[in-house]
């Protein structure tokens, strides 16, 4: 759920565009040359969302690019990279993230793209589980259901003492209001969650695209 919280908070996009919809083909890690004074390459995560509904009901794909964040709680690269290693999706068969940071971007190239294994491109990033003879297992081709993740969020809200049922759209509405400069009462859930993602709103307003 951490990755869904960060992505939803950082983009202010309809939660359903992530939950149950995000495939590995929508994600890509890219490496750029080190910044001046650094030795390690800059790693970014490119997210291509296809299921973004406009007011007229039509889909409008959007792309977002996330760089590493000093505040780890806001950094989507960490949970997404963790999932990629758990699934073993890299075609290069990396053993750990350190091997990625040891890669070198050639002088005649502006970036280095990391590719998935072919069989993983159409598989969901967030997947459901099912019972088996070996116990509960993650299903390769079964996407995590929105209602299932909603239940996880509701339990999270209760665990932190919220009286109101916490919904994904509380986060989206709060971020939309903050992004558009609309006033928000300090007692609302929208304000509580919006404060967690204020730094990411700056990236959204800049509309960073690679």
N, C-alpha and C. Protein backbone atom coordinates (compact mmCIF):
# COMPACT_ATOMS: atom_id res chain seq x y z
N UNK A 1 0.82 -1.20 0.00
CA UNK A 1 0.00 0.00 0.00
C UNK A 1 0.86 1.26 0.00
N UNK A 2 2.09 1.17 0.47
CA UNK A 2 2.95 2.35 0.54
C UNK A 2 3.13 2.98 -0.83
N UNK A 3 3.39 2.16 -1.85
CA UNK A 3 3.59 2.70 -3.19
C UNK A 3 2.33 3.37 -3.71
N UNK A 4 1.16 2.80 -3.46
CA UNK A 4 -0.08 3.41 -3.91
C UNK A 4 -0.32 4.75 -3.22
N UNK A 5 -0.01 4.83 -1.92
CA UNK A 5 -0.17 6.08 -1.19
C UNK A 5 0.72 7.17 -1.76
N UNK A 6 1.98 6.83 -2.02
CA UNK A 6 2.92 7.82 -2.52
C UNK A 6 2.54 8.27 -3.93
N UNK A 7 2.22 7.32 -4.80
CA UNK A 7 1.89 7.67 -6.18
C UNK A 7 0.60 8.49 -6.27
N UNK A 8 -0.40 8.09 -5.50
CA UNK A 8 -1.65 8.83 -5.49
C UNK A 8 -1.43 10.23 -4.94
N UNK A 9 -0.66 10.32 -3.86
CA UNK A 9 -0.39 11.62 -3.26
C UNK A 9 0.45 12.53 -4.13
N UNK A 10 1.41 11.97 -4.84
CA UNK A 10 2.33 12.77 -5.64
C UNK A 10 1.73 13.23 -6.95
N UNK A 11 0.71 12.56 -7.45
CA UNK A 11 0.14 12.89 -8.76
C UNK A 11 -1.25 13.50 -8.68
N UNK A 12 -1.95 13.32 -7.56
CA UNK A 12 -3.35 13.76 -7.43
C UNK A 12 -4.23 13.15 -8.51
N UNK A 13 -3.85 11.95 -8.95
CA UNK A 13 -4.60 11.25 -9.99
C UNK A 13 -5.65 10.34 -9.36
N UNK A 14 -6.72 10.07 -10.08
CA UNK A 14 -7.76 9.15 -9.63
C UNK A 14 -7.13 7.85 -9.17
N UNK A 15 -7.39 7.42 -7.92
CA UNK A 15 -6.75 6.22 -7.38
C UNK A 15 -6.94 4.98 -8.24
N UNK A 16 -8.07 4.88 -8.92
CA UNK A 16 -8.32 3.72 -9.77
C UNK A 16 -7.38 3.60 -10.94
N UNK A 17 -6.66 4.69 -11.26
CA UNK A 17 -5.68 4.63 -12.34
C UNK A 17 -4.46 3.80 -11.93
N UNK A 18 -4.23 3.66 -10.63
CA UNK A 18 -3.13 2.85 -10.13
C UNK A 18 -3.61 1.45 -9.72
N UNK A 19 -4.57 1.46 -8.82
CA UNK A 19 -4.99 0.22 -8.18
C UNK A 19 -5.77 -0.64 -9.17
N UNK A 20 -5.24 -1.82 -9.45
CA UNK A 20 -5.88 -2.74 -10.39
C UNK A 20 -5.58 -2.45 -11.85
N UNK A 21 -4.85 -1.38 -12.14
CA UNK A 21 -4.60 -0.98 -13.52
C UNK A 21 -3.11 -0.92 -13.88
N UNK A 22 -2.26 -0.68 -12.92
CA UNK A 22 -0.84 -0.43 -13.21
C UNK A 22 -0.12 -1.73 -13.57
N UNK A 23 0.43 -1.78 -14.78
CA UNK A 23 1.21 -2.92 -15.25
C UNK A 23 2.68 -2.53 -15.29
N UNK A 24 3.55 -3.53 -15.37
CA UNK A 24 4.98 -3.23 -15.44
C UNK A 24 5.34 -2.46 -16.71
N UNK A 25 4.56 -2.61 -17.76
CA UNK A 25 4.85 -1.86 -18.97
C UNK A 25 4.63 -0.36 -18.79
N UNK A 26 3.93 0.02 -17.72
CA UNK A 26 3.70 1.42 -17.43
C UNK A 26 4.83 2.05 -16.61
N UNK A 27 5.79 1.23 -16.21
CA UNK A 27 6.89 1.71 -15.37
C UNK A 27 8.23 1.53 -16.09
N UNK A 28 9.15 2.43 -15.81
CA UNK A 28 10.51 2.28 -16.35
C UNK A 28 11.49 3.04 -15.46
N UNK A 29 12.56 2.37 -15.09
CA UNK A 29 13.66 3.03 -14.40
C UNK A 29 14.66 3.51 -15.44
N UNK A 30 15.13 4.74 -15.26
CA UNK A 30 16.13 5.31 -16.15
C UNK A 30 17.29 5.87 -15.32
N UNK A 31 18.49 5.72 -15.86
CA UNK A 31 19.69 6.24 -15.21
C UNK A 31 20.26 7.39 -16.02
N UNK A 32 20.62 8.47 -15.33
CA UNK A 32 21.23 9.63 -15.96
C UNK A 32 22.63 9.84 -15.40
N UNK A 33 23.50 10.54 -16.13
CA UNK A 33 24.86 10.78 -15.63
C UNK A 33 24.84 11.43 -14.26
N UNK A 34 25.86 11.19 -13.45
CA UNK A 34 25.91 11.78 -12.10
C UNK A 34 25.89 13.30 -12.16
N UNK A 35 25.33 13.90 -11.12
CA UNK A 35 25.40 15.34 -10.98
C UNK A 35 26.83 15.76 -10.67
N UNK A 36 27.13 17.01 -10.89
CA UNK A 36 28.49 17.49 -10.66
C UNK A 36 28.90 17.24 -9.21
N UNK A 37 30.03 16.60 -9.05
CA UNK A 37 30.53 16.27 -7.72
C UNK A 37 30.11 14.90 -7.21
N UNK A 38 29.19 14.24 -7.91
CA UNK A 38 28.73 12.90 -7.53
C UNK A 38 29.38 11.84 -8.42
N UNK A 39 29.39 10.60 -7.94
CA UNK A 39 29.93 9.49 -8.71
C UNK A 39 28.84 8.51 -9.14
N UNK A 40 27.76 8.44 -8.40
CA UNK A 40 26.68 7.51 -8.71
C UNK A 40 25.72 8.13 -9.71
N UNK A 41 25.15 7.32 -10.60
CA UNK A 41 24.18 7.85 -11.57
C UNK A 41 22.90 8.30 -10.87
N UNK A 42 22.16 9.17 -11.51
CA UNK A 42 20.86 9.60 -11.01
C UNK A 42 19.80 8.62 -11.50
N UNK A 43 19.04 8.06 -10.59
CA UNK A 43 18.00 7.10 -10.94
C UNK A 43 16.64 7.78 -10.86
N UNK A 44 15.83 7.62 -11.90
CA UNK A 44 14.48 8.17 -11.90
C UNK A 44 13.50 7.06 -12.26
N UNK A 45 12.26 7.24 -11.85
CA UNK A 45 11.18 6.31 -12.17
C UNK A 45 10.17 7.02 -13.05
N UNK A 46 9.94 6.48 -14.23
CA UNK A 46 8.97 7.04 -15.17
C UNK A 46 7.68 6.21 -15.08
N UNK A 47 6.56 6.90 -14.85
CA UNK A 47 5.26 6.25 -14.72
C UNK A 47 4.35 6.76 -15.81
N UNK A 48 3.87 5.86 -16.65
CA UNK A 48 2.99 6.20 -17.77
C UNK A 48 1.59 5.67 -17.46
N UNK A 49 0.67 6.57 -17.14
CA UNK A 49 -0.68 6.18 -16.76
C UNK A 49 -1.62 6.31 -17.95
N UNK A 50 -2.31 5.23 -18.27
CA UNK A 50 -3.19 5.21 -19.44
C UNK A 50 -4.66 5.38 -19.10
N UNK A 51 -5.04 5.08 -17.87
CA UNK A 51 -6.46 5.08 -17.52
C UNK A 51 -6.85 6.32 -16.73
N UNK A 52 -6.54 7.49 -17.30
CA UNK A 52 -6.89 8.76 -16.67
C UNK A 52 -8.14 9.30 -17.34
N UNK A 53 -9.24 9.39 -16.58
CA UNK A 53 -10.50 9.85 -17.15
C UNK A 53 -10.60 11.37 -17.08
N UNK A 54 -11.03 11.98 -18.19
CA UNK A 54 -11.31 13.40 -18.23
C UNK A 54 -12.78 13.62 -17.90
N UNK A 55 -13.17 14.89 -17.79
CA UNK A 55 -14.55 15.20 -17.43
C UNK A 55 -15.55 14.64 -18.43
N UNK A 56 -15.16 14.52 -19.71
CA UNK A 56 -16.05 13.99 -20.72
C UNK A 56 -16.08 12.48 -20.78
N UNK A 57 -15.30 11.82 -19.92
CA UNK A 57 -15.28 10.37 -19.89
C UNK A 57 -14.20 9.74 -20.75
N UNK A 58 -13.47 10.56 -21.54
CA UNK A 58 -12.42 10.04 -22.39
C UNK A 58 -11.13 9.85 -21.60
N UNK A 59 -10.30 8.92 -22.06
CA UNK A 59 -9.02 8.66 -21.40
C UNK A 59 -7.96 9.62 -21.94
N UNK A 60 -7.11 10.08 -21.05
CA UNK A 60 -6.03 10.98 -21.42
C UNK A 60 -4.75 10.50 -20.73
N UNK A 61 -3.90 9.76 -21.42
CA UNK A 61 -2.67 9.25 -20.79
C UNK A 61 -1.80 10.39 -20.26
N UNK A 62 -1.17 10.14 -19.13
CA UNK A 62 -0.26 11.12 -18.52
C UNK A 62 1.03 10.42 -18.11
N UNK A 63 2.12 11.15 -18.19
CA UNK A 63 3.41 10.63 -17.76
C UNK A 63 3.93 11.46 -16.59
N UNK A 64 4.50 10.76 -15.61
CA UNK A 64 5.12 11.40 -14.46
C UNK A 64 6.51 10.82 -14.28
N UNK A 65 7.42 11.65 -13.84
CA UNK A 65 8.79 11.20 -13.60
C UNK A 65 9.18 11.58 -12.18
N UNK A 66 9.67 10.60 -11.43
CA UNK A 66 10.05 10.81 -10.04
C UNK A 66 11.54 10.59 -9.87
N UNK A 67 12.18 11.51 -9.20
CA UNK A 67 13.58 11.34 -8.85
C UNK A 67 13.68 10.88 -7.41
N UNK A 68 14.87 10.52 -6.99
CA UNK A 68 15.07 10.11 -5.61
C UNK A 68 14.82 11.30 -4.68
N UNK A 69 14.18 11.02 -3.56
CA UNK A 69 13.81 12.07 -2.62
C UNK A 69 14.58 11.88 -1.32
N UNK A 70 15.08 12.99 -0.77
CA UNK A 70 15.79 12.92 0.50
C UNK A 70 14.88 12.48 1.64
N UNK A 71 13.58 12.80 1.53
CA UNK A 71 12.60 12.34 2.50
C UNK A 71 12.08 10.99 2.03
N UNK A 72 12.55 9.93 2.64
CA UNK A 72 12.25 8.59 2.15
C UNK A 72 10.77 8.27 2.16
N UNK A 73 10.01 8.88 3.05
CA UNK A 73 8.58 8.59 3.11
C UNK A 73 7.86 9.07 1.87
N UNK A 74 8.46 10.03 1.11
CA UNK A 74 7.86 10.54 -0.10
C UNK A 74 8.40 9.87 -1.36
N UNK A 75 9.34 8.97 -1.23
CA UNK A 75 10.10 8.46 -2.38
C UNK A 75 9.45 7.20 -2.95
N UNK A 76 8.81 7.28 -4.13
CA UNK A 76 8.18 6.08 -4.70
C UNK A 76 9.18 5.09 -5.27
N UNK A 77 10.42 5.52 -5.50
CA UNK A 77 11.42 4.62 -6.07
C UNK A 77 11.70 3.45 -5.14
N UNK A 78 11.65 3.70 -3.83
CA UNK A 78 12.00 2.65 -2.87
C UNK A 78 11.00 1.50 -2.90
N UNK A 79 9.68 1.74 -2.70
CA UNK A 79 8.76 0.59 -2.73
C UNK A 79 8.65 -0.06 -4.11
N UNK A 80 8.71 0.75 -5.18
CA UNK A 80 8.61 0.17 -6.51
C UNK A 80 9.84 -0.68 -6.82
N UNK A 81 11.02 -0.19 -6.47
CA UNK A 81 12.23 -0.99 -6.71
C UNK A 81 12.21 -2.25 -5.87
N UNK A 82 11.67 -2.15 -4.66
CA UNK A 82 11.55 -3.34 -3.82
C UNK A 82 10.67 -4.40 -4.46
N UNK A 83 9.56 -3.97 -5.08
CA UNK A 83 8.68 -4.91 -5.77
C UNK A 83 9.37 -5.54 -6.97
N UNK A 84 10.14 -4.74 -7.71
CA UNK A 84 10.81 -5.29 -8.90
C UNK A 84 11.83 -6.36 -8.53
N UNK A 85 12.52 -6.15 -7.42
CA UNK A 85 13.48 -7.18 -7.00
C UNK A 85 12.78 -8.41 -6.44
N UNK A 86 11.68 -8.19 -5.73
CA UNK A 86 10.92 -9.33 -5.20
C UNK A 86 10.35 -10.18 -6.33
N UNK A 87 9.93 -9.53 -7.43
CA UNK A 87 9.38 -10.25 -8.58
C UNK A 87 10.46 -10.76 -9.52
N UNK A 88 11.67 -10.21 -9.42
CA UNK A 88 12.74 -10.62 -10.33
C UNK A 88 12.47 -10.23 -11.77
N UNK A 89 12.06 -8.99 -12.01
CA UNK A 89 11.61 -8.59 -13.34
C UNK A 89 12.73 -8.04 -14.24
N UNK A 90 13.86 -7.64 -13.67
CA UNK A 90 14.91 -7.04 -14.49
C UNK A 90 15.53 -8.07 -15.43
N UNK A 91 15.66 -7.69 -16.69
CA UNK A 91 16.26 -8.60 -17.66
C UNK A 91 17.74 -8.82 -17.37
N UNK A 92 18.36 -7.86 -16.68
CA UNK A 92 19.78 -7.97 -16.34
C UNK A 92 20.05 -8.86 -15.13
N UNK A 93 18.98 -9.34 -14.47
CA UNK A 93 19.12 -10.22 -13.31
C UNK A 93 19.96 -9.57 -12.20
N UNK A 94 19.65 -8.31 -11.89
CA UNK A 94 20.34 -7.64 -10.79
C UNK A 94 20.07 -8.39 -9.49
N UNK A 95 21.11 -8.49 -8.66
CA UNK A 95 20.95 -9.17 -7.37
C UNK A 95 20.49 -8.21 -6.28
N UNK A 96 20.88 -6.94 -6.37
CA UNK A 96 20.49 -5.94 -5.38
C UNK A 96 20.60 -4.56 -6.01
N UNK A 97 20.00 -3.54 -5.38
CA UNK A 97 20.02 -2.18 -5.95
C UNK A 97 21.42 -1.62 -6.17
N UNK A 98 22.39 -2.05 -5.38
CA UNK A 98 23.74 -1.53 -5.52
C UNK A 98 24.29 -1.79 -6.92
N UNK A 99 23.92 -2.91 -7.52
CA UNK A 99 24.39 -3.21 -8.87
C UNK A 99 23.85 -2.20 -9.89
N UNK A 100 22.67 -1.66 -9.62
CA UNK A 100 22.12 -0.64 -10.51
C UNK A 100 22.95 0.65 -10.42
N UNK A 101 23.33 1.01 -9.19
CA UNK A 101 24.08 2.24 -9.00
C UNK A 101 25.54 2.11 -9.44
N UNK A 102 25.96 0.90 -9.74
CA UNK A 102 27.31 0.70 -10.27
C UNK A 102 27.36 0.83 -11.79
N UNK A 103 26.18 0.91 -12.43
CA UNK A 103 26.14 1.07 -13.88
C UNK A 103 26.66 2.45 -14.29
N UNK A 104 27.17 2.53 -15.51
CA UNK A 104 27.74 3.77 -16.02
C UNK A 104 26.99 4.19 -17.29
N UNK A 105 26.55 5.44 -17.33
CA UNK A 105 25.91 5.99 -18.53
C UNK A 105 27.01 6.45 -19.49
N UNK A 106 27.03 5.88 -20.68
CA UNK A 106 28.09 6.17 -21.64
C UNK A 106 28.07 7.64 -22.06
N UNK A 107 29.24 8.15 -22.44
CA UNK A 107 29.38 9.56 -22.80
C UNK A 107 28.54 9.93 -24.02
N UNK A 108 28.34 8.98 -24.93
CA UNK A 108 27.56 9.27 -26.14
C UNK A 108 26.06 9.03 -25.94
N UNK A 109 25.62 8.86 -24.71
CA UNK A 109 24.21 8.62 -24.41
C UNK A 109 23.77 9.55 -23.29
N UNK A 110 22.51 10.01 -23.36
CA UNK A 110 22.02 10.91 -22.31
C UNK A 110 21.41 10.16 -21.14
N UNK A 111 21.09 8.86 -21.36
CA UNK A 111 20.48 8.07 -20.29
C UNK A 111 20.63 6.58 -20.59
N UNK A 112 20.32 5.78 -19.58
CA UNK A 112 20.35 4.32 -19.71
C UNK A 112 19.01 3.79 -19.20
N UNK A 113 18.30 3.07 -20.04
CA UNK A 113 17.00 2.52 -19.67
C UNK A 113 17.16 1.08 -19.19
N UNK A 114 16.49 0.76 -18.10
CA UNK A 114 16.51 -0.59 -17.56
C UNK A 114 15.25 -1.31 -18.01
N UNK A 115 15.42 -2.46 -18.63
CA UNK A 115 14.29 -3.18 -19.22
C UNK A 115 13.87 -4.37 -18.36
N UNK A 116 12.58 -4.72 -18.50
CA UNK A 116 12.03 -5.88 -17.80
C UNK A 116 12.17 -7.13 -18.67
N UNK A 117 12.01 -8.27 -18.06
CA UNK A 117 11.88 -9.52 -18.81
C UNK A 117 10.56 -9.47 -19.59
N UNK A 118 10.56 -10.03 -20.77
CA UNK A 118 9.42 -9.90 -21.68
C UNK A 118 8.12 -10.37 -21.04
N UNK A 119 8.17 -11.46 -20.26
CA UNK A 119 6.94 -12.01 -19.71
C UNK A 119 6.32 -11.14 -18.62
N UNK A 120 7.05 -10.12 -18.14
CA UNK A 120 6.55 -9.30 -17.04
C UNK A 120 5.87 -8.02 -17.51
N UNK A 121 6.01 -7.62 -18.73
CA UNK A 121 5.50 -6.32 -19.17
C UNK A 121 3.99 -6.18 -18.97
N UNK A 122 3.23 -7.25 -19.23
CA UNK A 122 1.77 -7.18 -19.15
C UNK A 122 1.22 -7.66 -17.81
N UNK A 123 2.08 -7.88 -16.87
CA UNK A 123 1.62 -8.34 -15.55
C UNK A 123 1.40 -7.16 -14.61
N UNK A 124 0.39 -7.27 -13.72
CA UNK A 124 0.12 -6.18 -12.78
C UNK A 124 1.28 -5.99 -11.80
N UNK A 125 1.51 -4.74 -11.42
CA UNK A 125 2.53 -4.45 -10.40
C UNK A 125 2.00 -4.83 -9.03
N UNK A 126 0.76 -4.45 -8.75
CA UNK A 126 0.12 -4.78 -7.47
C UNK A 126 -0.85 -5.93 -7.72
N UNK A 127 -0.61 -7.07 -7.09
CA UNK A 127 -1.36 -8.27 -7.41
C UNK A 127 -2.08 -8.85 -6.20
N UNK A 128 -3.09 -9.64 -6.49
CA UNK A 128 -3.86 -10.29 -5.45
C UNK A 128 -3.25 -11.60 -5.01
N UNK A 129 -3.90 -12.25 -4.07
CA UNK A 129 -3.42 -13.53 -3.53
C UNK A 129 -4.53 -14.56 -3.61
N UNK A 130 -4.15 -15.81 -3.48
CA UNK A 130 -5.12 -16.90 -3.46
C UNK A 130 -4.57 -18.05 -2.63
N UNK A 131 -5.48 -18.89 -2.15
CA UNK A 131 -5.07 -20.06 -1.37
C UNK A 131 -4.55 -21.15 -2.30
N UNK A 132 -3.56 -21.88 -1.82
CA UNK A 132 -3.02 -23.02 -2.56
C UNK A 132 -2.61 -24.09 -1.57
N UNK A 133 -2.14 -25.22 -2.08
CA UNK A 133 -1.70 -26.29 -1.19
C UNK A 133 -0.52 -25.87 -0.35
N UNK A 134 0.26 -24.91 -0.86
CA UNK A 134 1.42 -24.42 -0.12
C UNK A 134 1.08 -23.22 0.76
N UNK A 135 -0.22 -22.84 0.82
CA UNK A 135 -0.63 -21.69 1.60
C UNK A 135 -1.00 -20.52 0.68
N UNK A 136 -1.13 -19.34 1.25
CA UNK A 136 -1.50 -18.16 0.49
C UNK A 136 -0.32 -17.72 -0.37
N UNK A 137 -0.59 -17.51 -1.67
CA UNK A 137 0.46 -17.11 -2.60
C UNK A 137 -0.01 -15.94 -3.46
N UNK A 138 0.94 -15.12 -3.88
CA UNK A 138 0.66 -14.02 -4.79
C UNK A 138 0.44 -14.58 -6.20
N UNK A 139 -0.63 -14.13 -6.84
CA UNK A 139 -0.96 -14.61 -8.18
C UNK A 139 -0.26 -13.74 -9.22
N UNK A 140 0.35 -14.37 -10.21
CA UNK A 140 1.14 -13.62 -11.19
C UNK A 140 0.30 -12.67 -12.03
N UNK A 141 -0.89 -13.10 -12.46
CA UNK A 141 -1.67 -12.32 -13.42
C UNK A 141 -2.98 -11.81 -12.86
N UNK A 142 -3.12 -11.78 -11.54
CA UNK A 142 -4.36 -11.31 -10.92
C UNK A 142 -4.10 -9.98 -10.22
N UNK A 143 -4.67 -8.91 -10.75
CA UNK A 143 -4.45 -7.58 -10.18
C UNK A 143 -5.13 -7.44 -8.83
N UNK A 144 -4.52 -6.66 -7.96
CA UNK A 144 -5.12 -6.34 -6.67
C UNK A 144 -6.40 -5.55 -6.88
N UNK A 145 -7.48 -5.97 -6.24
CA UNK A 145 -8.77 -5.31 -6.41
C UNK A 145 -8.82 -4.00 -5.64
N UNK A 146 -9.53 -3.02 -6.23
CA UNK A 146 -9.66 -1.71 -5.59
C UNK A 146 -10.30 -1.85 -4.21
N UNK A 147 -11.35 -2.65 -4.08
CA UNK A 147 -12.03 -2.78 -2.79
C UNK A 147 -11.13 -3.42 -1.73
N UNK A 148 -10.25 -4.30 -2.16
CA UNK A 148 -9.32 -4.92 -1.22
C UNK A 148 -8.35 -3.87 -0.67
N UNK A 149 -7.81 -3.04 -1.55
CA UNK A 149 -6.88 -2.01 -1.11
C UNK A 149 -7.62 -0.92 -0.33
N UNK A 150 -8.86 -0.68 -0.64
CA UNK A 150 -9.67 0.26 0.14
C UNK A 150 -9.80 -0.22 1.58
N UNK A 151 -10.00 -1.52 1.73
CA UNK A 151 -10.08 -2.07 3.09
C UNK A 151 -8.80 -1.87 3.86
N UNK A 152 -7.66 -2.00 3.18
CA UNK A 152 -6.36 -1.76 3.82
C UNK A 152 -6.25 -0.31 4.28
N UNK A 153 -6.72 0.63 3.44
CA UNK A 153 -6.64 2.04 3.78
C UNK A 153 -7.55 2.38 4.95
N UNK A 154 -8.72 1.80 4.98
CA UNK A 154 -9.65 2.04 6.08
C UNK A 154 -9.03 1.57 7.40
N UNK A 155 -8.39 0.42 7.39
CA UNK A 155 -7.73 -0.08 8.60
C UNK A 155 -6.58 0.84 9.01
N UNK A 156 -5.87 1.39 8.01
CA UNK A 156 -4.80 2.34 8.32
C UNK A 156 -5.37 3.57 9.02
N UNK A 157 -6.49 4.09 8.49
CA UNK A 157 -7.11 5.25 9.11
C UNK A 157 -7.53 4.99 10.54
N UNK A 158 -8.09 3.83 10.79
CA UNK A 158 -8.50 3.48 12.15
C UNK A 158 -7.30 3.34 13.08
N UNK A 159 -6.21 2.80 12.55
CA UNK A 159 -5.02 2.57 13.39
C UNK A 159 -4.37 3.88 13.83
N UNK A 160 -4.58 4.98 13.04
CA UNK A 160 -4.00 6.26 13.44
C UNK A 160 -5.02 7.16 14.12
N UNK A 161 -6.19 6.58 14.44
CA UNK A 161 -7.15 7.29 15.27
C UNK A 161 -8.14 8.18 14.56
N UNK A 162 -8.33 8.02 13.25
CA UNK A 162 -9.30 8.85 12.52
C UNK A 162 -10.72 8.35 12.78
N UNK A 163 -11.62 9.29 13.12
CA UNK A 163 -13.01 8.92 13.36
C UNK A 163 -13.74 8.66 12.05
N UNK A 164 -13.44 9.45 11.02
CA UNK A 164 -14.07 9.29 9.72
C UNK A 164 -13.39 8.15 8.96
N UNK A 165 -14.18 7.41 8.17
CA UNK A 165 -13.61 6.36 7.33
C UNK A 165 -12.67 6.99 6.31
N UNK A 166 -11.45 6.54 6.27
CA UNK A 166 -10.45 7.08 5.36
C UNK A 166 -10.62 6.46 3.98
N UNK A 167 -10.74 7.31 2.97
CA UNK A 167 -10.94 6.85 1.59
C UNK A 167 -9.81 7.40 0.71
N UNK A 168 -9.56 6.70 -0.41
CA UNK A 168 -8.54 7.15 -1.35
C UNK A 168 -8.85 8.54 -1.89
N UNK A 169 -10.14 8.83 -2.08
CA UNK A 169 -10.49 10.12 -2.65
C UNK A 169 -10.30 11.28 -1.67
N UNK A 170 -10.21 10.98 -0.37
CA UNK A 170 -9.86 12.03 0.59
C UNK A 170 -8.48 12.60 0.27
N UNK A 171 -7.58 11.71 -0.05
CA UNK A 171 -6.22 12.13 -0.40
C UNK A 171 -6.23 12.93 -1.70
N UNK A 172 -6.94 12.43 -2.70
CA UNK A 172 -6.96 13.12 -3.99
C UNK A 172 -7.61 14.50 -3.87
N UNK A 173 -8.75 14.59 -3.17
CA UNK A 173 -9.45 15.87 -3.05
C UNK A 173 -8.59 16.89 -2.32
N UNK A 174 -7.93 16.44 -1.26
CA UNK A 174 -7.08 17.36 -0.50
C UNK A 174 -5.95 17.90 -1.35
N UNK A 175 -5.34 17.05 -2.15
CA UNK A 175 -4.23 17.49 -2.99
C UNK A 175 -4.72 18.40 -4.11
N UNK A 176 -5.88 18.10 -4.68
CA UNK A 176 -6.44 18.97 -5.72
C UNK A 176 -6.69 20.38 -5.17
N UNK A 177 -7.25 20.44 -3.97
CA UNK A 177 -7.53 21.74 -3.37
C UNK A 177 -6.24 22.51 -3.11
N UNK A 178 -5.24 21.81 -2.59
CA UNK A 178 -3.98 22.47 -2.28
C UNK A 178 -3.29 22.94 -3.55
N UNK A 179 -3.34 22.11 -4.58
CA UNK A 179 -2.70 22.45 -5.85
C UNK A 179 -3.36 23.66 -6.49
N UNK A 180 -4.69 23.78 -6.34
CA UNK A 180 -5.44 24.88 -6.95
C UNK A 180 -5.58 26.08 -6.03
N UNK A 181 -4.95 26.04 -4.87
CA UNK A 181 -4.98 27.18 -3.97
C UNK A 181 -6.29 27.36 -3.24
N UNK A 182 -7.11 26.31 -3.14
CA UNK A 182 -8.39 26.42 -2.45
C UNK A 182 -8.20 26.23 -0.95
N UNK A 183 -8.99 26.95 -0.13
CA UNK A 183 -8.85 26.81 1.33
C UNK A 183 -9.32 25.45 1.82
N UNK A 184 -8.62 24.93 2.82
CA UNK A 184 -8.98 23.64 3.42
C UNK A 184 -9.03 23.82 4.93
N UNK A 185 -10.09 23.36 5.58
CA UNK A 185 -10.16 23.44 7.02
C UNK A 185 -9.11 22.54 7.65
N UNK A 186 -8.48 23.04 8.69
CA UNK A 186 -7.38 22.31 9.32
C UNK A 186 -7.81 21.00 9.95
N UNK A 187 -9.12 20.83 10.19
CA UNK A 187 -9.59 19.63 10.87
C UNK A 187 -9.92 18.50 9.90
N UNK A 188 -9.88 18.76 8.60
CA UNK A 188 -10.30 17.73 7.65
C UNK A 188 -9.22 16.71 7.39
N UNK A 189 -9.63 15.53 6.96
CA UNK A 189 -8.69 14.49 6.60
C UNK A 189 -7.85 14.94 5.41
N UNK A 190 -8.48 15.69 4.50
CA UNK A 190 -7.75 16.15 3.32
C UNK A 190 -6.50 16.93 3.72
N UNK A 191 -6.62 17.80 4.73
CA UNK A 191 -5.47 18.59 5.17
C UNK A 191 -4.41 17.69 5.80
N UNK A 192 -4.85 16.75 6.64
CA UNK A 192 -3.91 15.85 7.29
C UNK A 192 -3.06 15.11 6.28
N UNK A 193 -3.68 14.57 5.24
CA UNK A 193 -2.95 13.80 4.25
C UNK A 193 -2.17 14.70 3.29
N UNK A 194 -2.72 15.87 2.99
CA UNK A 194 -2.04 16.76 2.06
C UNK A 194 -0.68 17.19 2.61
N UNK A 195 -0.59 17.44 3.88
CA UNK A 195 0.67 17.87 4.48
C UNK A 195 1.77 16.84 4.26
N UNK A 196 1.39 15.57 4.12
CA UNK A 196 2.38 14.52 3.92
C UNK A 196 3.03 14.60 2.55
N UNK A 197 2.38 15.27 1.60
CA UNK A 197 2.85 15.23 0.22
C UNK A 197 3.12 16.61 -0.39
N UNK A 198 3.32 17.61 0.43
CA UNK A 198 3.51 18.96 -0.09
C UNK A 198 4.74 19.07 -0.99
N UNK A 199 5.81 18.38 -0.64
CA UNK A 199 7.00 18.45 -1.47
C UNK A 199 6.75 17.86 -2.85
N UNK A 200 5.96 16.81 -2.93
CA UNK A 200 5.69 16.19 -4.22
C UNK A 200 4.81 17.06 -5.10
N UNK A 201 3.99 17.91 -4.52
CA UNK A 201 3.17 18.80 -5.31
C UNK A 201 4.03 19.75 -6.14
N UNK A 202 5.19 20.12 -5.63
CA UNK A 202 6.08 20.99 -6.37
C UNK A 202 6.53 20.32 -7.66
N UNK A 203 6.82 19.01 -7.61
CA UNK A 203 7.21 18.29 -8.81
C UNK A 203 6.06 18.23 -9.80
N UNK A 204 4.85 18.03 -9.28
CA UNK A 204 3.69 17.95 -10.16
C UNK A 204 3.47 19.28 -10.88
N UNK A 205 3.60 20.41 -10.21
CA UNK A 205 3.37 21.70 -10.81
C UNK A 205 4.41 22.02 -11.87
N UNK A 206 5.63 21.51 -11.67
CA UNK A 206 6.68 21.73 -12.65
C UNK A 206 6.49 20.86 -13.89
N UNK A 207 5.65 19.80 -13.75
CA UNK A 207 5.37 18.88 -14.86
C UNK A 207 6.65 18.38 -15.51
N UNK A 208 7.47 17.77 -14.69
CA UNK A 208 8.74 17.23 -15.18
C UNK A 208 8.46 16.10 -16.14
N UNK A 209 9.01 16.14 -17.35
CA UNK A 209 8.82 15.09 -18.35
C UNK A 209 10.17 14.78 -18.99
N UNK A 210 10.41 13.49 -19.21
CA UNK A 210 11.66 13.06 -19.84
C UNK A 210 11.33 12.37 -21.15
